[in-house]
Amino acid sequence: MGRLWDRWTGTKHPAAGVRPLPTMEVREALLALNGPDVPFQLRHGFPKEKADLVAERRIPELKLTVKIRMRLVPAAREVRVLEEQWGNVSHEYSDWQYGRGGATLVAREWKFEKGPDGRRRFVETFRYSSRDMKDPLRDAVLAAGWTWRGVLLKW
């Protein structure tokens, strides 16, 4: 059941032989990802969020907000991760929706454009994948020798 549960929650373990870094170095490695070239903002969590670090991204094209709350657990050498998203993700419904868990969301928009040969073709005008936010965070945690543990319930 352990492997199945890990797969369902998106839990990943570091490669064998990777020496775990101290807690402060893991925190610094994650905060080092922050910058103008990443599509999200990484910050310290507010007490109300009950998280050490929070990565947040707003996607106005989709009317969607994605938040990854991370809690560092030094005793277990793991980062517990709660992924949340809310917004109007479906054009069929006008109500706002809330979701929690490690689901991958991919969205693309296309339009017709006249090509150099004069023929009409599809051109991608917008692309979003939740992996653009989650993968760099997860890779930094795994490189630090810690486990990336997805959780589904609030802590």
N, C-alpha and C. Protein backbone atom coordinates (compact mmCIF):
# COMPACT_ATOMS: atom_id res chain seq x y z
N MET A 1 0.82 -1.20 0.00
CA MET A 1 0.00 0.00 0.00
C MET A 1 0.86 1.25 0.00
N GLY A 2 2.06 1.17 0.60
CA GLY A 2 2.92 2.33 0.71
C GLY A 2 3.30 2.94 -0.63
N ARG A 3 3.73 2.10 -1.56
CA ARG A 3 4.13 2.61 -2.88
C ARG A 3 2.94 3.16 -3.65
N LEU A 4 1.81 2.49 -3.54
CA LEU A 4 0.60 2.96 -4.22
C LEU A 4 0.18 4.31 -3.65
N TRP A 5 0.20 4.45 -2.33
CA TRP A 5 -0.17 5.71 -1.70
C TRP A 5 0.82 6.81 -2.09
N ASP A 6 2.12 6.50 -2.09
CA ASP A 6 3.13 7.48 -2.50
C ASP A 6 2.89 7.94 -3.93
N ARG A 7 2.56 7.02 -4.78
CA ARG A 7 2.30 7.36 -6.18
C ARG A 7 1.07 8.26 -6.31
N TRP A 8 0.06 7.96 -5.54
CA TRP A 8 -1.19 8.71 -5.60
C TRP A 8 -1.00 10.13 -5.07
N THR A 9 -0.17 10.31 -4.03
CA THR A 9 0.04 11.63 -3.45
C THR A 9 1.18 12.40 -4.11
N GLY A 10 1.93 11.75 -5.00
CA GLY A 10 3.04 12.43 -5.67
C GLY A 10 4.32 12.44 -4.86
N THR A 11 4.44 11.53 -3.89
CA THR A 11 5.62 11.47 -3.05
C THR A 11 6.81 10.93 -3.84
N LYS A 12 7.95 11.59 -3.69
CA LYS A 12 9.18 11.16 -4.35
C LYS A 12 10.28 11.09 -3.30
N HIS A 13 11.13 10.09 -3.43
CA HIS A 13 12.25 9.90 -2.51
C HIS A 13 13.56 10.24 -3.23
N PRO A 14 14.56 10.72 -2.49
CA PRO A 14 15.84 11.06 -3.14
C PRO A 14 16.54 9.80 -3.62
N ALA A 15 17.45 9.98 -4.54
CA ALA A 15 18.23 8.86 -5.06
C ALA A 15 19.10 8.29 -3.94
N ALA A 16 19.40 7.03 -4.05
CA ALA A 16 20.24 6.38 -3.05
C ALA A 16 21.63 7.03 -3.04
N GLY A 17 22.16 7.24 -1.87
CA GLY A 17 23.50 7.79 -1.73
C GLY A 17 23.56 9.31 -1.65
N VAL A 18 22.44 9.99 -1.78
CA VAL A 18 22.44 11.45 -1.66
C VAL A 18 22.41 11.81 -0.18
N ARG A 19 23.43 12.55 0.25
CA ARG A 19 23.54 12.94 1.66
C ARG A 19 22.55 14.05 1.96
N PRO A 20 21.67 13.87 2.97
CA PRO A 20 20.70 14.92 3.30
C PRO A 20 21.37 16.17 3.84
N LEU A 21 20.94 17.31 3.37
CA LEU A 21 21.47 18.59 3.83
C LEU A 21 20.73 19.03 5.09
N PRO A 22 21.32 19.92 5.87
CA PRO A 22 20.62 20.47 7.04
C PRO A 22 19.39 21.28 6.61
N THR A 23 18.49 21.45 7.54
CA THR A 23 17.22 22.12 7.27
C THR A 23 17.40 23.51 6.67
N MET A 24 18.28 24.31 7.23
CA MET A 24 18.46 25.67 6.73
C MET A 24 18.99 25.69 5.30
N GLU A 25 19.82 24.72 4.94
CA GLU A 25 20.34 24.66 3.58
C GLU A 25 19.25 24.25 2.59
N VAL A 26 18.33 23.39 3.02
CA VAL A 26 17.20 23.02 2.17
C VAL A 26 16.32 24.24 1.93
N ARG A 27 16.06 24.99 3.01
CA ARG A 27 15.25 26.20 2.90
C ARG A 27 15.92 27.21 1.96
N GLU A 28 17.23 27.38 2.09
CA GLU A 28 17.97 28.31 1.22
C GLU A 28 17.96 27.84 -0.23
N ALA A 29 18.07 26.53 -0.44
CA ALA A 29 18.04 25.99 -1.81
C ALA A 29 16.69 26.26 -2.47
N LEU A 30 15.63 26.13 -1.70
CA LEU A 30 14.31 26.42 -2.24
C LEU A 30 14.13 27.91 -2.52
N LEU A 31 14.53 28.75 -1.58
CA LEU A 31 14.40 30.20 -1.77
C LEU A 31 15.28 30.71 -2.91
N ALA A 32 16.37 30.00 -3.20
CA ALA A 32 17.26 30.39 -4.30
C ALA A 32 16.56 30.24 -5.66
N LEU A 33 15.48 29.47 -5.70
CA LEU A 33 14.75 29.31 -6.97
C LEU A 33 13.98 30.57 -7.35
N ASN A 34 13.72 31.42 -6.36
CA ASN A 34 12.96 32.64 -6.59
C ASN A 34 13.72 33.56 -7.54
N GLY A 35 13.03 34.17 -8.44
CA GLY A 35 13.69 35.10 -9.35
C GLY A 35 12.77 35.50 -10.49
N PRO A 36 13.24 36.38 -11.36
CA PRO A 36 12.40 36.87 -12.44
C PRO A 36 12.14 35.84 -13.54
N ASP A 37 12.98 34.79 -13.61
CA ASP A 37 12.83 33.81 -14.69
C ASP A 37 11.95 32.63 -14.32
N VAL A 38 11.39 32.59 -13.12
CA VAL A 38 10.48 31.51 -12.74
C VAL A 38 9.04 32.03 -12.76
N PRO A 39 8.09 31.16 -13.09
CA PRO A 39 6.71 31.64 -13.24
C PRO A 39 5.91 31.71 -11.94
N PHE A 40 6.60 31.67 -10.81
CA PHE A 40 5.90 31.71 -9.53
C PHE A 40 6.69 32.55 -8.54
N GLN A 41 6.05 32.87 -7.43
CA GLN A 41 6.69 33.63 -6.36
C GLN A 41 6.83 32.69 -5.16
N LEU A 42 8.02 32.61 -4.61
CA LEU A 42 8.29 31.78 -3.45
C LEU A 42 8.56 32.68 -2.26
N ARG A 43 7.88 32.41 -1.15
CA ARG A 43 8.00 33.27 0.03
C ARG A 43 7.87 32.43 1.29
N HIS A 44 8.17 33.08 2.42
CA HIS A 44 7.94 32.44 3.71
C HIS A 44 6.44 32.41 3.96
N GLY A 45 5.97 31.34 4.58
CA GLY A 45 4.55 31.20 4.85
C GLY A 45 4.10 32.08 6.00
N PHE A 46 2.85 32.52 5.94
CA PHE A 46 2.25 33.28 7.02
C PHE A 46 1.77 32.29 8.09
N PRO A 47 1.69 32.72 9.36
CA PRO A 47 1.22 31.81 10.41
C PRO A 47 -0.14 31.18 10.09
N LYS A 48 -1.01 31.93 9.45
CA LYS A 48 -2.33 31.43 9.09
C LYS A 48 -2.25 30.27 8.10
N GLU A 49 -1.22 30.27 7.25
CA GLU A 49 -1.05 29.21 6.25
C GLU A 49 -0.46 27.93 6.82
N LYS A 50 0.13 28.02 8.01
CA LYS A 50 0.74 26.87 8.68
C LYS A 50 1.76 26.16 7.78
N ALA A 51 2.61 26.96 7.14
CA ALA A 51 3.63 26.42 6.24
C ALA A 51 4.91 27.21 6.42
N ASP A 52 6.03 26.54 6.18
CA ASP A 52 7.33 27.22 6.25
C ASP A 52 7.56 28.07 5.00
N LEU A 53 7.27 27.48 3.83
CA LEU A 53 7.44 28.18 2.55
C LEU A 53 6.19 28.00 1.71
N VAL A 54 5.90 29.00 0.88
CA VAL A 54 4.73 28.95 0.01
C VAL A 54 5.14 29.41 -1.38
N ALA A 55 4.82 28.61 -2.38
CA ALA A 55 5.00 29.01 -3.77
C ALA A 55 3.61 29.31 -4.32
N GLU A 56 3.48 30.47 -4.97
CA GLU A 56 2.16 30.89 -5.44
C GLU A 56 2.26 31.42 -6.86
N ARG A 57 1.25 31.10 -7.63
CA ARG A 57 1.18 31.60 -9.00
C ARG A 57 -0.26 31.92 -9.34
N ARG A 58 -0.44 33.09 -9.94
CA ARG A 58 -1.76 33.49 -10.43
C ARG A 58 -1.72 33.46 -11.95
N ILE A 59 -2.71 32.81 -12.54
CA ILE A 59 -2.79 32.71 -13.99
C ILE A 59 -4.06 33.43 -14.43
N PRO A 60 -3.95 34.72 -14.80
CA PRO A 60 -5.15 35.49 -15.13
C PRO A 60 -5.90 34.95 -16.35
N GLU A 61 -5.18 34.36 -17.30
CA GLU A 61 -5.84 33.82 -18.50
C GLU A 61 -6.83 32.73 -18.14
N LEU A 62 -6.56 32.01 -17.07
CA LEU A 62 -7.44 30.92 -16.64
C LEU A 62 -8.27 31.28 -15.42
N LYS A 63 -8.07 32.48 -14.89
CA LYS A 63 -8.73 32.88 -13.64
C LYS A 63 -8.45 31.83 -12.57
N LEU A 64 -7.17 31.49 -12.43
CA LEU A 64 -6.76 30.40 -11.56
C LEU A 64 -5.61 30.84 -10.66
N THR A 65 -5.64 30.40 -9.41
CA THR A 65 -4.55 30.61 -8.48
C THR A 65 -4.07 29.24 -8.00
N VAL A 66 -2.77 29.03 -8.06
CA VAL A 66 -2.18 27.77 -7.62
C VAL A 66 -1.22 28.09 -6.49
N LYS A 67 -1.32 27.31 -5.42
CA LYS A 67 -0.46 27.53 -4.26
C LYS A 67 0.09 26.19 -3.80
N ILE A 68 1.39 26.15 -3.55
CA ILE A 68 2.04 24.96 -2.99
C ILE A 68 2.59 25.36 -1.63
N ARG A 69 2.01 24.78 -0.58
CA ARG A 69 2.48 25.05 0.78
C ARG A 69 3.42 23.94 1.20
N MET A 70 4.59 24.33 1.73
CA MET A 70 5.62 23.36 2.10
C MET A 70 5.96 23.50 3.57
N ARG A 71 5.98 22.39 4.24
CA ARG A 71 6.39 22.33 5.64
C ARG A 71 7.60 21.42 5.74
N LEU A 72 8.71 21.95 6.27
CA LEU A 72 9.93 21.17 6.42
C LEU A 72 9.87 20.40 7.73
N VAL A 73 10.12 19.10 7.66
CA VAL A 73 10.08 18.23 8.83
C VAL A 73 11.48 17.64 9.00
N PRO A 74 12.34 18.30 9.82
CA PRO A 74 13.73 17.87 9.94
C PRO A 74 13.90 16.45 10.48
N ALA A 75 13.05 16.02 11.41
CA ALA A 75 13.20 14.70 12.01
C ALA A 75 13.04 13.59 10.97
N ALA A 76 12.18 13.79 10.00
CA ALA A 76 11.95 12.78 8.95
C ALA A 76 12.72 13.09 7.67
N ARG A 77 13.40 14.23 7.63
CA ARG A 77 14.11 14.69 6.43
C ARG A 77 13.17 14.68 5.22
N GLU A 78 12.03 15.32 5.41
CA GLU A 78 11.07 15.40 4.31
C GLU A 78 10.39 16.77 4.29
N VAL A 79 9.92 17.12 3.10
CA VAL A 79 9.15 18.34 2.91
C VAL A 79 7.73 17.87 2.60
N ARG A 80 6.81 18.21 3.48
CA ARG A 80 5.41 17.85 3.27
C ARG A 80 4.76 18.96 2.47
N VAL A 81 4.07 18.56 1.43
CA VAL A 81 3.59 19.49 0.42
C VAL A 81 2.08 19.38 0.27
N LEU A 82 1.41 20.52 0.35
CA LEU A 82 -0.02 20.58 0.10
C LEU A 82 -0.23 21.49 -1.11
N GLU A 83 -0.74 20.91 -2.18
CA GLU A 83 -1.00 21.66 -3.41
C GLU A 83 -2.47 22.05 -3.45
N GLU A 84 -2.72 23.33 -3.70
CA GLU A 84 -4.09 23.83 -3.77
C GLU A 84 -4.26 24.66 -5.02
N GLN A 85 -5.46 24.62 -5.56
CA GLN A 85 -5.79 25.49 -6.69
C GLN A 85 -7.25 25.88 -6.61
N TRP A 86 -7.51 27.11 -6.94
CA TRP A 86 -8.89 27.57 -6.97
C TRP A 86 -9.04 28.59 -8.07
N GLY A 87 -10.23 28.57 -8.63
CA GLY A 87 -10.54 29.50 -9.70
C GLY A 87 -11.64 28.94 -10.57
N ASN A 88 -11.92 29.62 -11.64
CA ASN A 88 -12.92 29.19 -12.60
C ASN A 88 -12.21 28.40 -13.68
N VAL A 89 -11.93 27.13 -13.41
CA VAL A 89 -11.11 26.33 -14.31
C VAL A 89 -11.91 25.73 -15.47
N SER A 90 -13.21 25.82 -15.43
CA SER A 90 -14.03 25.27 -16.49
C SER A 90 -14.88 26.38 -17.10
N HIS A 91 -14.91 26.41 -18.40
CA HIS A 91 -15.73 27.42 -19.07
C HIS A 91 -17.22 27.05 -19.02
N GLU A 92 -17.50 25.79 -18.68
CA GLU A 92 -18.89 25.34 -18.63
C GLU A 92 -19.60 25.82 -17.37
N TYR A 93 -18.85 26.07 -16.31
CA TYR A 93 -19.44 26.47 -15.05
C TYR A 93 -18.98 27.88 -14.69
N SER A 94 -19.85 28.64 -14.11
CA SER A 94 -19.48 30.00 -13.72
C SER A 94 -19.05 30.06 -12.25
N ASP A 95 -19.20 28.96 -11.53
CA ASP A 95 -18.83 28.94 -10.11
C ASP A 95 -17.33 28.72 -9.96
N TRP A 96 -16.79 29.26 -8.88
CA TRP A 96 -15.39 29.05 -8.56
C TRP A 96 -15.23 27.67 -7.97
N GLN A 97 -14.13 27.02 -8.27
CA GLN A 97 -13.87 25.68 -7.80
C GLN A 97 -12.58 25.63 -7.00
N TYR A 98 -12.52 24.72 -6.05
CA TYR A 98 -11.34 24.54 -5.21
C TYR A 98 -10.90 23.10 -5.33
N GLY A 99 -9.59 22.89 -5.47
CA GLY A 99 -9.05 21.54 -5.54
C GLY A 99 -7.79 21.44 -4.71
N ARG A 100 -7.54 20.23 -4.24
CA ARG A 100 -6.37 19.99 -3.40
C ARG A 100 -5.77 18.65 -3.82
N GLY A 101 -4.45 18.58 -3.85
CA GLY A 101 -3.78 17.34 -4.19
C GLY A 101 -2.80 17.53 -5.33
N GLY A 102 -2.15 16.46 -5.70
CA GLY A 102 -1.06 16.53 -6.66
C GLY A 102 -1.46 16.33 -8.11
N ALA A 103 -2.62 16.75 -8.51
CA ALA A 103 -3.04 16.60 -9.90
C ALA A 103 -2.24 17.54 -10.80
N THR A 104 -2.03 17.11 -12.02
CA THR A 104 -1.34 17.93 -13.01
C THR A 104 -2.39 18.60 -13.89
N LEU A 105 -2.27 19.91 -14.02
CA LEU A 105 -3.19 20.68 -14.84
C LEU A 105 -2.41 21.26 -16.01
N VAL A 106 -2.91 21.02 -17.21
CA VAL A 106 -2.28 21.55 -18.42
C VAL A 106 -3.36 22.29 -19.20
N ALA A 107 -3.05 23.50 -19.64
CA ALA A 107 -4.00 24.28 -20.44
C ALA A 107 -3.24 24.95 -21.59
N ARG A 108 -3.88 24.98 -22.74
CA ARG A 108 -3.31 25.63 -23.91
C ARG A 108 -4.40 26.38 -24.66
N GLU A 109 -4.00 27.46 -25.29
CA GLU A 109 -4.91 28.20 -26.16
C GLU A 109 -4.24 28.35 -27.52
N TRP A 110 -5.05 28.25 -28.55
CA TRP A 110 -4.56 28.32 -29.92
C TRP A 110 -5.39 29.34 -30.69
N LYS A 111 -4.81 29.83 -31.78
CA LYS A 111 -5.57 30.68 -32.69
C LYS A 111 -5.08 30.41 -34.11
N PHE A 112 -5.93 30.75 -35.06
CA PHE A 112 -5.54 30.63 -36.46
C PHE A 112 -4.71 31.84 -36.86
N GLU A 113 -3.68 31.58 -37.64
CA GLU A 113 -2.82 32.65 -38.12
C GLU A 113 -2.37 32.30 -39.53
N LYS A 114 -2.15 33.31 -40.31
CA LYS A 114 -1.68 33.09 -41.68
C LYS A 114 -0.18 32.83 -41.66
N GLY A 115 0.23 31.73 -42.23
CA GLY A 115 1.64 31.36 -42.26
C GLY A 115 2.40 32.04 -43.37
N PRO A 116 3.72 31.83 -43.45
CA PRO A 116 4.54 32.46 -44.50
C PRO A 116 4.17 31.98 -45.90
N ASP A 117 3.58 30.79 -45.99
CA ASP A 117 3.17 30.28 -47.30
C ASP A 117 1.75 30.71 -47.67
N GLY A 118 1.12 31.52 -46.80
CA GLY A 118 -0.23 32.02 -47.07
C GLY A 118 -1.33 31.11 -46.57
N ARG A 119 -0.99 29.94 -46.06
CA ARG A 119 -1.99 29.01 -45.56
C ARG A 119 -2.28 29.29 -44.09
N ARG A 120 -3.51 29.02 -43.68
CA ARG A 120 -3.88 29.18 -42.27
C ARG A 120 -3.34 28.01 -41.47
N ARG A 121 -2.88 28.33 -40.26
CA ARG A 121 -2.36 27.29 -39.38
C ARG A 121 -2.66 27.66 -37.93
N PHE A 122 -2.62 26.66 -37.07
CA PHE A 122 -2.81 26.89 -35.64
C PHE A 122 -1.50 27.38 -35.04
N VAL A 123 -1.59 28.39 -34.18
CA VAL A 123 -0.43 28.91 -33.46
C VAL A 123 -0.80 28.95 -31.98
N GLU A 124 0.07 28.41 -31.17
CA GLU A 124 -0.18 28.40 -29.73
C GLU A 124 0.03 29.80 -29.17
N THR A 125 -0.97 30.32 -28.45
CA THR A 125 -0.87 31.66 -27.89
C THR A 125 -0.69 31.65 -26.38
N PHE A 126 -1.01 30.53 -25.74
CA PHE A 126 -0.89 30.44 -24.28
C PHE A 126 -0.67 28.99 -23.89
N ARG A 127 0.23 28.80 -22.90
CA ARG A 127 0.49 27.45 -22.40
C ARG A 127 0.71 27.53 -20.89
N TYR A 128 0.07 26.62 -20.18
CA TYR A 128 0.26 26.51 -18.73
C TYR A 128 0.33 25.04 -18.37
N SER A 129 1.27 24.72 -17.50
CA SER A 129 1.37 23.39 -16.92
C SER A 129 1.76 23.56 -15.46
N SER A 130 1.07 22.86 -14.59
CA SER A 130 1.40 22.95 -13.16
C SER A 130 2.78 22.37 -12.88
N ARG A 131 3.30 21.59 -13.80
CA ARG A 131 4.65 21.03 -13.64
C ARG A 131 5.72 22.13 -13.68
N ASP A 132 5.44 23.24 -14.36
CA ASP A 132 6.41 24.34 -14.43
C ASP A 132 6.70 24.91 -13.04
N MET A 133 5.77 24.73 -12.13
CA MET A 133 5.92 25.23 -10.77
C MET A 133 6.42 24.13 -9.84
N LYS A 134 5.83 22.95 -9.96
CA LYS A 134 6.12 21.87 -9.03
C LYS A 134 7.49 21.22 -9.27
N ASP A 135 7.86 21.00 -10.51
CA ASP A 135 9.10 20.28 -10.81
C ASP A 135 10.37 20.93 -10.25
N PRO A 136 10.58 22.25 -10.41
CA PRO A 136 11.80 22.84 -9.84
C PRO A 136 11.85 22.74 -8.32
N LEU A 137 10.70 22.89 -7.67
CA LEU A 137 10.66 22.78 -6.21
C LEU A 137 10.99 21.35 -5.78
N ARG A 138 10.34 20.40 -6.41
CA ARG A 138 10.57 18.98 -6.08
C ARG A 138 12.02 18.58 -6.36
N ASP A 139 12.57 19.02 -7.48
CA ASP A 139 13.95 18.67 -7.83
C ASP A 139 14.94 19.24 -6.82
N ALA A 140 14.69 20.45 -6.33
CA ALA A 140 15.57 21.05 -5.33
C ALA A 140 15.53 20.26 -4.02
N VAL A 141 14.35 19.82 -3.64
CA VAL A 141 14.21 19.03 -2.41
C VAL A 141 14.92 17.69 -2.55
N LEU A 142 14.73 17.02 -3.67
CA LEU A 142 15.36 15.72 -3.88
C LEU A 142 16.88 15.84 -3.98
N ALA A 143 17.37 16.91 -4.61
CA ALA A 143 18.82 17.13 -4.71
C ALA A 143 19.43 17.38 -3.33
N ALA A 144 18.62 17.89 -2.40
CA ALA A 144 19.09 18.13 -1.04
C ALA A 144 19.04 16.86 -0.19
N GLY A 145 18.59 15.75 -0.78
CA GLY A 145 18.55 14.49 -0.06
C GLY A 145 17.32 14.30 0.82
N TRP A 146 16.33 15.13 0.61
CA TRP A 146 15.09 15.04 1.40
C TRP A 146 13.99 14.42 0.55
N THR A 147 12.95 13.94 1.22
CA THR A 147 11.79 13.35 0.55
C THR A 147 10.75 14.44 0.29
N TRP A 148 10.14 14.40 -0.88
CA TRP A 148 9.04 15.28 -1.26
C TRP A 148 7.76 14.48 -1.00
N ARG A 149 7.03 14.80 0.06
CA ARG A 149 5.86 14.02 0.46
C ARG A 149 4.59 14.82 0.24
N GLY A 150 3.77 14.36 -0.69
CA GLY A 150 2.49 14.99 -0.94
C GLY A 150 1.48 14.60 0.13
N VAL A 151 0.72 15.57 0.57
CA VAL A 151 -0.35 15.32 1.55
C VAL A 151 -1.66 15.84 0.94
N LEU A 152 -2.75 15.26 1.39
CA LEU A 152 -4.05 15.64 0.86
C LEU A 152 -4.88 16.40 1.88
N LEU A 153 -4.58 16.23 3.14
CA LEU A 153 -5.34 16.90 4.19
C LEU A 153 -4.56 18.07 4.72
N LYS A 154 -5.26 19.06 5.22
CA LYS A 154 -4.58 20.20 5.83
C LYS A 154 -3.90 19.72 7.10
N TRP A 155 -2.79 20.36 7.42
CA TRP A 155 -2.08 19.99 8.64
C TRP A 155 -2.38 20.90 9.77
